[in-house]
Amino acid sequence: MQVQETQQNSRPLLAHRRLAPTEDFSKSDVHVYQRPNDDDIYQEEKGLPTSSGRQRRWNEAVKLGTWPRILYVVVGLVLIIIWIGVMIAFAREEVKAQQRNLEGDTRTRPNRTANQLVMKGTLKNFDPVERSLVVSWGLTYVDGDNKSLRPLGDTEDSSFAVNIYRDVKVVFERRPLTPEANQTIQQLGIAPPDLRIDNATVLPNGVLGLHTWDGLDTSIDFTQAVEDNPWKQPLFGYPFDVWAGSIVFAATDREYAEAANLTNTYAFGLDGAVLADSTLNWRIRVENSNNTCDYSGEFAGCELHVDFTGKRPLLVKFAAILAVLVNWTSTIGIFLLTCEAVIMRRVHILSETDILGVCLTALFALPSVRAILPGAPDFGAILDLIGVIPNIIIISVCTTMMALAKLTTRKPPKEE
């Protein structure tokens, strides 16, 4: 009986002990009734500054996880939409550039009249290593609206053979006509020739005008457009390099020359040149197209002088500048992590973060990013001196420092 009474009397005491912790237990750092996620209560009890109301609301939202997820999904979608918009803007700019090329030189465009002959070139290839531009030319004439260009030979009335020469000079015709040739041109009702190609024995580079599909391929050498400017030097100044090239055309009437029984005679002037289509990662345009037959005063020949310029489109410049910014952002981040870990002795960066793997990855990633840039030349451009070589050097030094820090770090002895 006494034992049962003792057990009954001890139960309330044990229950009281479970509900009321001892004085030593209450002074310890362990709080049985503290909610583990309530950081503000813990900071307040420790005398630490508590978070603001905005920060508290954000912490509660992070615990729930709904609005933060919606937020970063919306931010990601906005970035994707912005990127697509930028690409669409570049595509529209490329279309406008092709339209400007097709309209031709801004000086001669307003002066077009019906039946003028215009050389129309289609861009085929530009080789920056060989520094040559390949263009396929056709002969067109201005339609009755003084604007549209139609291919020569599309109708019977517009079909006639034109000999095309390149890089020649037109001079006065001094050769006499034979009696038979003089009689022939009189029967045709045409005047004697007054102009010819300076080299009477040179063969034409092509014959245009008989059919709409007649064509002439030319290779045009390109050189540096702006002197004493490294930023615009070909290839070295990528993506701001500027190129320049030129070609001279001369034309003769094949039928009239055969009637006069003289080679390369009956030269006449072409009224302009335009370009169609485009080349990948390049912006080639006709800067000037001058018909020297139109010059008044002293005789200047009767050729078509066409000047070209070649530049990188905005998309290439945007990609190159973006790559440099990304390279330097990555380099600065790795440099700061290395300094914090090695100089400031934040050992947890060495032990918890695999920063050595990040350094090695960046060391091989930077040249890969440079290699995929649109139209990138061989290694050695000014872009490499600014945004690749110094980054590789800095990351290599950081990789070496991190490797040495990991090798010299010793684990602290275990406490017994």
Protein backbone atom coordinates (compact mmCIF):
# COMPACT_ATOMS: atom_id res chain seq x y z
CA MET A 1 0.00 0.00 0.00
CA GLN A 2 2.77 2.35 0.78
CA VAL A 3 4.44 1.63 -2.57
CA GLN A 4 1.27 2.41 -4.50
CA GLU A 5 0.77 5.66 -2.63
CA THR A 6 4.39 6.63 -3.38
CA GLN A 7 3.93 6.01 -7.11
CA GLN A 8 0.68 7.97 -7.20
CA ASN A 9 2.27 10.86 -5.37
CA SER A 10 5.27 10.87 -7.72
CA ARG A 11 3.30 11.16 -10.94
CA PRO A 12 2.31 14.79 -10.51
CA LEU A 13 5.86 15.61 -9.60
CA LEU A 14 7.20 13.93 -12.76
CA ALA A 15 4.62 15.66 -14.88
CA HIS A 16 5.57 18.94 -13.29
CA ARG A 17 9.21 18.27 -14.09
CA ARG A 18 8.38 17.66 -17.74
CA LEU A 19 6.44 20.90 -18.04
CA ALA A 20 8.82 23.11 -16.09
CA PRO A 21 12.48 22.84 -17.15
CA THR A 22 15.22 23.33 -14.65
CA GLU A 23 17.00 26.61 -14.20
CA ASP A 24 20.13 25.35 -15.95
CA PHE A 25 18.09 24.07 -18.88
CA SER A 26 16.25 27.37 -19.27
CA LYS A 27 19.55 29.24 -19.42
CA SER A 28 20.89 27.06 -22.18
CA ASP A 29 20.74 27.95 -25.88
CA VAL A 30 18.20 25.24 -26.65
CA HIS A 31 14.61 26.45 -26.69
CA VAL A 32 12.03 23.72 -26.80
CA TYR A 33 9.15 26.05 -27.52
CA GLN A 34 10.96 28.24 -30.09
CA ARG A 35 9.76 27.87 -33.67
CA PRO A 36 12.78 26.89 -35.76
CA ASN A 37 11.90 29.22 -38.68
CA ASP A 38 11.27 32.34 -36.65
CA ASP A 39 14.60 34.12 -37.03
CA ASP A 40 13.33 37.45 -35.72
CA ILE A 41 12.52 36.01 -32.25
CA TYR A 42 15.94 34.41 -32.06
CA GLN A 43 17.69 37.64 -33.11
CA GLU A 44 15.65 39.67 -30.65
CA GLU A 45 16.51 37.35 -27.76
CA LYS A 46 20.19 37.48 -28.71
CA GLY A 47 20.17 41.25 -28.94
CA LEU A 48 20.79 41.22 -32.66
CA PRO A 49 19.09 43.66 -35.08
CA THR A 50 15.87 42.26 -36.43
CA SER A 51 14.79 42.47 -40.06
CA SER A 52 12.50 45.22 -41.32
CA GLY A 53 8.86 44.73 -42.12
CA ARG A 54 9.52 44.40 -45.80
CA GLN A 55 12.26 41.86 -45.20
CA ARG A 56 10.01 39.95 -42.81
CA ARG A 57 7.23 39.80 -45.37
CA TRP A 58 9.70 38.60 -48.01
CA ASN A 59 10.99 35.89 -45.65
CA GLU A 60 7.43 34.71 -45.05
CA ALA A 61 6.81 34.67 -48.81
CA VAL A 62 9.96 32.61 -49.35
CA LYS A 63 8.75 30.09 -46.76
CA LEU A 64 5.49 29.71 -48.65
CA GLY A 65 7.33 29.65 -52.00
CA THR A 66 4.50 30.85 -54.27
CA TRP A 67 5.19 34.48 -55.11
CA PRO A 68 8.99 34.19 -55.35
CA ARG A 69 8.59 31.41 -57.92
CA ILE A 70 6.10 33.49 -59.87
CA LEU A 71 8.50 36.44 -59.67
CA TYR A 72 11.54 34.66 -61.08
CA VAL A 73 9.45 32.99 -63.80
CA VAL A 74 8.12 36.41 -64.86
CA VAL A 75 11.65 37.88 -64.82
CA GLY A 76 12.89 35.00 -66.99
CA LEU A 77 10.05 35.46 -69.46
CA VAL A 78 10.70 39.22 -69.64
CA LEU A 79 14.39 38.61 -70.39
CA ILE A 80 13.47 36.12 -73.13
CA ILE A 81 11.00 38.60 -74.65
CA ILE A 82 13.63 41.38 -74.55
CA TRP A 83 16.17 39.12 -76.26
CA ILE A 84 13.69 38.14 -78.98
CA GLY A 85 12.81 41.81 -79.48
CA VAL A 86 16.47 42.73 -79.87
CA MET A 87 16.97 39.96 -82.45
CA ILE A 88 13.86 41.06 -84.38
CA ALA A 89 15.18 44.64 -84.39
CA PHE A 90 18.50 43.45 -85.83
CA ALA A 91 16.66 41.41 -88.49
CA ARG A 92 14.61 44.44 -89.53
CA GLU A 93 17.75 46.55 -89.66
CA GLU A 94 19.30 43.98 -92.00
CA VAL A 95 16.26 44.14 -94.29
CA LYS A 96 16.46 47.94 -94.37
CA ALA A 97 20.16 47.75 -95.25
CA GLN A 98 19.40 45.44 -98.18
CA GLN A 99 16.72 47.86 -99.35
CA ARG A 100 19.17 50.77 -99.20
CA ASN A 101 21.67 48.73 -101.21
CA LEU A 102 19.07 48.01 -103.85
CA GLU A 103 18.18 51.68 -104.12
CA GLY A 104 21.83 52.51 -104.81
CA ASP A 105 23.95 55.57 -104.21
CA THR A 106 22.00 58.34 -102.48
CA ARG A 107 23.49 60.95 -104.83
CA THR A 108 22.42 59.26 -108.07
CA ARG A 109 19.13 57.80 -106.84
CA PRO A 110 17.03 60.99 -107.27
CA ASN A 111 18.50 61.59 -110.75
CA ARG A 112 17.35 58.34 -112.34
CA THR A 113 15.44 58.60 -115.57
CA ALA A 114 13.77 56.01 -117.76
CA ASN A 115 15.97 53.74 -119.90
CA GLN A 116 19.18 54.44 -117.99
CA LEU A 117 21.48 51.42 -117.77
CA VAL A 118 22.41 50.30 -114.25
CA MET A 119 24.72 47.50 -113.21
CA LYS A 120 23.01 45.30 -110.61
CA GLY A 121 25.29 43.13 -108.49
CA THR A 122 24.40 40.16 -106.31
CA LEU A 123 26.71 39.58 -103.37
CA LYS A 124 28.06 36.04 -103.44
CA ASN A 125 30.94 35.88 -100.99
CA PHE A 126 33.36 38.00 -99.01
CA ASP A 127 36.59 36.37 -97.86
CA PRO A 128 38.31 38.51 -95.20
CA VAL A 129 41.43 36.34 -95.28
CA GLU A 130 41.90 36.74 -99.04
CA ARG A 131 40.41 40.25 -98.77
CA SER A 132 38.25 39.78 -101.84
CA LEU A 133 34.57 40.30 -102.61
CA VAL A 134 32.85 38.17 -105.25
CA VAL A 135 29.89 39.85 -106.99
CA SER A 136 27.74 38.54 -109.83
CA TRP A 137 26.63 41.40 -112.09
CA GLY A 138 23.70 41.78 -114.43
CA LEU A 139 22.61 44.69 -116.61
CA THR A 140 19.30 46.43 -115.89
CA TYR A 141 17.47 49.49 -117.12
CA VAL A 142 15.27 52.01 -115.32
CA ASP A 143 11.57 51.49 -115.91
CA GLY A 144 9.09 54.20 -116.84
CA ASP A 145 8.43 55.08 -113.18
CA ASN A 146 12.04 56.35 -112.92
CA LYS A 147 12.57 54.03 -109.95
CA SER A 148 12.17 50.32 -110.69
CA LEU A 149 14.96 48.32 -112.31
CA ARG A 150 14.18 45.68 -114.92
CA PRO A 151 16.68 43.20 -116.38
CA LEU A 152 17.94 43.98 -119.84
CA GLY A 153 16.68 41.40 -122.31
CA ASP A 154 13.25 40.88 -120.74
CA THR A 155 11.60 42.11 -123.96
CA GLU A 156 12.62 42.05 -127.60
CA ASP A 157 13.02 45.81 -127.69
CA SER A 158 15.33 45.82 -124.65
CA SER A 159 17.56 43.01 -125.86
CA PHE A 160 20.96 43.94 -127.30
CA ALA A 161 24.51 42.77 -126.68
CA VAL A 162 26.74 44.91 -124.45
CA ASN A 163 30.42 44.14 -123.99
CA ILE A 164 31.49 44.74 -120.39
CA TYR A 165 35.11 45.49 -119.46
CA ARG A 166 36.61 46.03 -116.04
CA ASP A 167 39.47 48.24 -114.90
CA VAL A 168 40.05 49.87 -118.30
CA LYS A 169 40.13 53.41 -119.67
CA VAL A 170 37.94 54.93 -122.40
CA VAL A 171 39.72 57.16 -124.92
CA PHE A 172 38.85 58.89 -128.20
CA GLU A 173 38.55 56.71 -131.29
CA ARG A 174 41.31 57.70 -133.76
CA ARG A 175 41.28 54.67 -136.03
CA PRO A 176 39.94 55.24 -139.53
CA LEU A 177 36.99 53.31 -140.92
CA THR A 178 37.30 51.20 -144.03
CA PRO A 179 35.03 52.14 -146.96
CA GLU A 180 32.96 49.01 -146.42
CA ALA A 181 32.53 49.75 -142.70
CA ASN A 182 31.66 53.37 -143.45
CA GLN A 183 29.00 52.24 -145.91
CA THR A 184 27.59 49.73 -143.42
CA ILE A 185 27.14 52.22 -140.60
CA GLN A 186 25.54 54.69 -143.01
CA GLN A 187 23.03 52.05 -144.01
CA LEU A 188 22.27 51.41 -140.33
CA GLY A 189 21.85 55.14 -139.76
CA ILE A 190 24.40 55.41 -136.97
CA ALA A 191 27.18 57.94 -136.43
CA PRO A 192 30.86 57.00 -136.66
CA PRO A 193 32.43 55.87 -133.37
CA ASP A 194 34.01 58.52 -131.20
CA LEU A 195 35.06 56.50 -128.10
CA ARG A 196 36.79 53.18 -127.60
CA ILE A 197 38.57 51.10 -124.96
CA ASP A 198 42.21 52.15 -124.56
CA ASN A 199 43.44 48.59 -125.12
CA ALA A 200 42.14 47.71 -128.56
CA THR A 201 43.03 44.03 -128.23
CA VAL A 202 41.63 43.26 -124.77
CA LEU A 203 38.73 40.85 -124.66
CA PRO A 204 35.53 41.79 -122.84
CA ASN A 205 35.00 40.21 -119.42
CA GLY A 206 31.45 39.35 -120.34
CA VAL A 207 28.51 40.03 -122.63
CA LEU A 208 25.28 41.22 -121.00
CA GLY A 209 21.90 42.32 -122.23
CA LEU A 210 20.86 39.57 -124.63
CA HIS A 211 19.09 37.51 -121.96
CA THR A 212 17.83 38.16 -118.46
CA TRP A 213 20.09 35.44 -117.08
CA ASP A 214 23.33 36.86 -118.49
CA GLY A 215 25.85 37.40 -115.73
CA LEU A 216 29.40 38.44 -115.02
CA ASP A 217 31.33 37.40 -111.89
CA THR A 218 34.01 39.74 -110.57
CA SER A 219 36.46 39.48 -107.70
CA ILE A 220 37.11 42.84 -106.04
CA ASP A 221 40.11 43.42 -103.78
CA PHE A 222 39.42 45.12 -100.44
CA THR A 223 41.87 47.13 -98.35
CA GLN A 224 41.87 49.31 -95.25
CA ALA A 225 39.40 52.19 -95.55
CA VAL A 226 40.64 54.42 -92.72
CA GLU A 227 44.35 54.98 -92.26
CA ASP A 228 46.10 55.35 -88.87
CA ASN A 229 43.14 54.00 -86.91
CA PRO A 230 43.73 50.60 -85.26
CA TRP A 231 40.05 50.28 -84.34
CA LYS A 232 39.10 50.29 -88.04
CA GLN A 233 42.00 48.22 -89.32
CA PRO A 234 40.82 45.13 -91.21
CA LEU A 235 40.51 42.04 -88.99
CA PHE A 236 42.64 43.57 -86.22
CA GLY A 237 39.90 46.09 -85.38
CA TYR A 238 37.15 43.44 -85.19
CA PRO A 239 34.21 44.17 -84.86
CA PHE A 240 34.74 47.83 -85.82
CA ASP A 241 36.97 47.24 -88.87
CA VAL A 242 36.09 49.09 -92.08
CA TRP A 243 37.03 47.85 -95.54
CA ALA A 244 37.07 49.57 -98.94
CA GLY A 245 37.24 48.37 -102.53
CA SER A 246 36.59 49.67 -106.02
CA ILE A 247 36.03 48.56 -109.58
CA VAL A 248 35.80 50.34 -112.95
CA PHE A 249 33.36 49.26 -115.66
CA ALA A 250 33.27 50.25 -119.29
CA ALA A 251 30.79 49.16 -121.97
CA THR A 252 30.71 48.98 -125.76
CA ASP A 253 27.93 48.20 -128.22
CA ARG A 254 28.84 44.83 -129.69
CA GLU A 255 26.58 45.12 -132.78
CA TYR A 256 27.79 48.60 -133.71
CA ALA A 257 31.45 47.60 -133.21
CA GLU A 258 31.00 44.65 -135.57
CA ALA A 259 29.35 46.94 -138.12
CA ALA A 260 32.31 49.33 -137.92
CA ASN A 261 34.73 46.38 -138.16
CA LEU A 262 36.69 47.77 -135.22
CA THR A 263 37.40 46.09 -131.91
CA ASN A 264 36.32 47.61 -128.60
CA THR A 265 34.73 50.68 -130.14
CA TYR A 266 31.44 52.49 -129.64
CA ALA A 267 32.08 52.86 -125.91
CA PHE A 268 29.36 54.43 -123.84
CA GLY A 269 28.74 55.13 -120.17
CA LEU A 270 26.79 53.18 -117.56
CA ASP A 271 24.60 55.23 -115.27
CA GLY A 272 25.07 53.57 -111.89
CA ALA A 273 25.44 50.41 -109.82
CA VAL A 274 23.38 48.79 -107.08
CA LEU A 275 23.76 45.71 -104.90
CA ALA A 276 21.21 43.06 -104.03
CA ASP A 277 21.15 40.41 -101.32
CA SER A 278 23.63 40.36 -98.43
CA THR A 279 26.54 38.37 -97.01
CA LEU A 280 26.55 36.70 -93.60
CA ASN A 281 28.12 38.83 -90.85
CA TRP A 282 29.05 41.59 -93.30
CA ARG A 283 27.48 44.84 -94.47
CA ILE A 284 28.70 45.56 -98.00
CA ARG A 285 27.32 48.59 -99.79
CA VAL A 286 27.98 50.83 -102.80
CA GLU A 287 29.34 54.06 -101.42
CA ASN A 288 29.73 55.90 -104.74
CA SER A 289 29.00 55.11 -108.39
CA ASN A 290 30.29 57.82 -110.71
CA ASN A 291 29.74 57.91 -114.46
CA THR A 292 32.65 59.93 -115.79
CA CYS A 293 30.75 60.56 -119.03
CA ASP A 294 28.68 63.07 -117.09
CA TYR A 295 31.70 65.19 -116.17
CA SER A 296 31.69 68.54 -117.91
CA GLY A 297 34.77 70.33 -119.07
CA GLU A 298 37.94 68.32 -119.63
CA PHE A 299 37.41 64.80 -120.95
CA ALA A 300 37.59 62.32 -118.07
CA GLY A 301 36.85 59.14 -119.93
CA CYS A 302 33.54 57.37 -120.03
CA GLU A 303 33.65 54.68 -117.34
CA LEU A 304 31.62 53.75 -114.29
CA HIS A 305 33.68 54.01 -111.10
CA VAL A 306 32.11 52.03 -108.24
CA ASP A 307 33.40 52.36 -104.65
CA PHE A 308 32.45 49.83 -101.97
CA THR A 309 32.64 49.83 -98.19
CA GLY A 310 32.47 46.82 -95.92
CA LYS A 311 31.52 46.92 -92.24
CA ARG A 312 30.24 44.55 -89.59
CA PRO A 313 26.49 44.72 -88.97
CA LEU A 314 25.10 45.81 -85.62
CA LEU A 315 24.37 42.22 -84.63
CA VAL A 316 28.07 41.29 -84.84
CA LYS A 317 29.10 44.36 -82.84
CA PHE A 318 26.44 43.62 -80.22
CA ALA A 319 27.59 40.00 -79.84
CA ALA A 320 31.27 40.95 -79.56
CA ILE A 321 30.65 43.66 -76.95
CA LEU A 322 28.36 41.33 -74.98
CA ALA A 323 31.03 38.61 -75.01
CA VAL A 324 33.63 41.04 -73.63
CA LEU A 325 31.26 42.13 -70.85
CA VAL A 326 30.50 38.51 -69.93
CA ASN A 327 34.19 37.61 -69.92
CA TRP A 328 35.09 40.48 -67.63
CA THR A 329 32.12 39.85 -65.32
CA SER A 330 33.20 36.21 -64.89
CA THR A 331 36.82 37.22 -64.40
CA ILE A 332 36.02 39.82 -61.76
CA GLY A 333 33.80 37.34 -59.89
CA ILE A 334 36.51 34.67 -59.84
CA PHE A 335 39.12 37.24 -58.82
CA LEU A 336 37.00 38.42 -55.88
CA LEU A 337 36.34 34.86 -54.71
CA THR A 338 40.05 34.07 -54.88
CA CYS A 339 41.01 37.16 -52.91
CA GLU A 340 38.37 36.48 -50.26
CA ALA A 341 39.48 32.86 -49.89
CA VAL A 342 43.26 33.32 -49.98
CA ILE A 343 43.94 36.84 -48.73
CA MET A 344 41.01 37.27 -46.35
CA ARG A 345 41.37 33.62 -45.23
CA ARG A 346 37.72 32.68 -45.58
CA VAL A 347 38.43 28.99 -45.32
CA HIS A 348 34.82 27.90 -45.89
CA ILE A 349 35.12 29.02 -49.53
CA LEU A 350 37.96 26.57 -49.98
CA SER A 351 36.26 23.76 -48.14
CA GLU A 352 32.62 24.14 -49.18
CA THR A 353 32.76 25.76 -52.62
CA ASP A 354 34.50 23.97 -55.44
CA ILE A 355 36.04 27.19 -56.63
CA LEU A 356 38.95 25.34 -58.23
CA GLY A 357 36.54 23.62 -60.63
CA VAL A 358 34.96 26.99 -61.46
CA CYS A 359 38.38 28.46 -62.27
CA LEU A 360 39.35 25.54 -64.50
CA THR A 361 36.00 25.65 -66.31
CA ALA A 362 36.27 29.40 -66.96
CA LEU A 363 39.85 28.97 -68.14
CA PHE A 364 38.68 26.81 -71.05
CA ALA A 365 35.29 28.46 -71.54
CA LEU A 366 36.54 31.95 -72.43
CA PRO A 367 38.35 30.91 -75.64
CA SER A 368 35.29 28.85 -76.60
CA VAL A 369 33.02 31.89 -76.24
CA ARG A 370 35.40 33.89 -78.42
CA ALA A 371 35.46 31.16 -81.08
CA ILE A 372 31.67 31.20 -81.58
CA LEU A 373 31.43 34.95 -82.16
CA PRO A 374 29.90 35.71 -85.59
CA GLY A 375 32.54 36.46 -88.19
CA ALA A 376 35.39 36.23 -85.68
CA PRO A 377 38.85 36.45 -87.31
CA ASP A 378 41.92 34.48 -86.33
CA PHE A 379 43.28 35.00 -82.84
CA GLY A 380 45.15 38.28 -82.39
CA ALA A 381 42.49 40.95 -82.94
CA ILE A 382 42.14 43.94 -80.66
CA LEU A 383 39.16 42.19 -79.08
CA ASP A 384 41.51 39.46 -77.83
CA LEU A 385 43.87 42.03 -76.32
CA ILE A 386 41.00 43.60 -74.38
CA GLY A 387 38.56 40.83 -73.54
CA VAL A 388 40.29 37.44 -73.82
CA ILE A 389 44.05 37.45 -73.12
CA PRO A 390 43.95 39.48 -69.85
CA ASN A 391 41.01 37.39 -68.65
CA ILE A 392 42.86 34.13 -69.28
CA ILE A 393 45.94 35.47 -67.45
CA ILE A 394 43.92 36.59 -64.42
CA ILE A 395 41.95 33.35 -64.21
CA SER A 396 45.16 31.32 -64.60
CA VAL A 397 46.72 33.17 -61.65
CA CYS A 398 43.54 32.67 -59.61
CA THR A 399 43.52 28.96 -60.47
CA THR A 400 47.14 28.60 -59.33
CA MET A 401 46.46 30.46 -56.07
CA MET A 402 43.40 28.36 -55.33
CA ALA A 403 45.27 25.13 -56.06
CA LEU A 404 48.14 26.14 -53.75
CA ALA A 405 45.68 27.18 -51.04
CA LYS A 406 43.93 23.83 -51.19
CA LEU A 407 47.26 21.97 -51.05
CA THR A 408 48.56 23.91 -48.04
CA THR A 409 45.30 23.84 -46.06
CA ARG A 410 45.33 21.38 -43.15
CA LYS A 411 42.28 20.06 -41.34
CA PRO A 412 42.09 21.20 -37.69
CA PRO A 413 42.85 18.44 -35.15
CA LYS A 414 39.81 16.73 -33.70
CA GLU A 415 38.91 17.75 -30.20
CA GLU A 416 38.98 14.88 -27.73
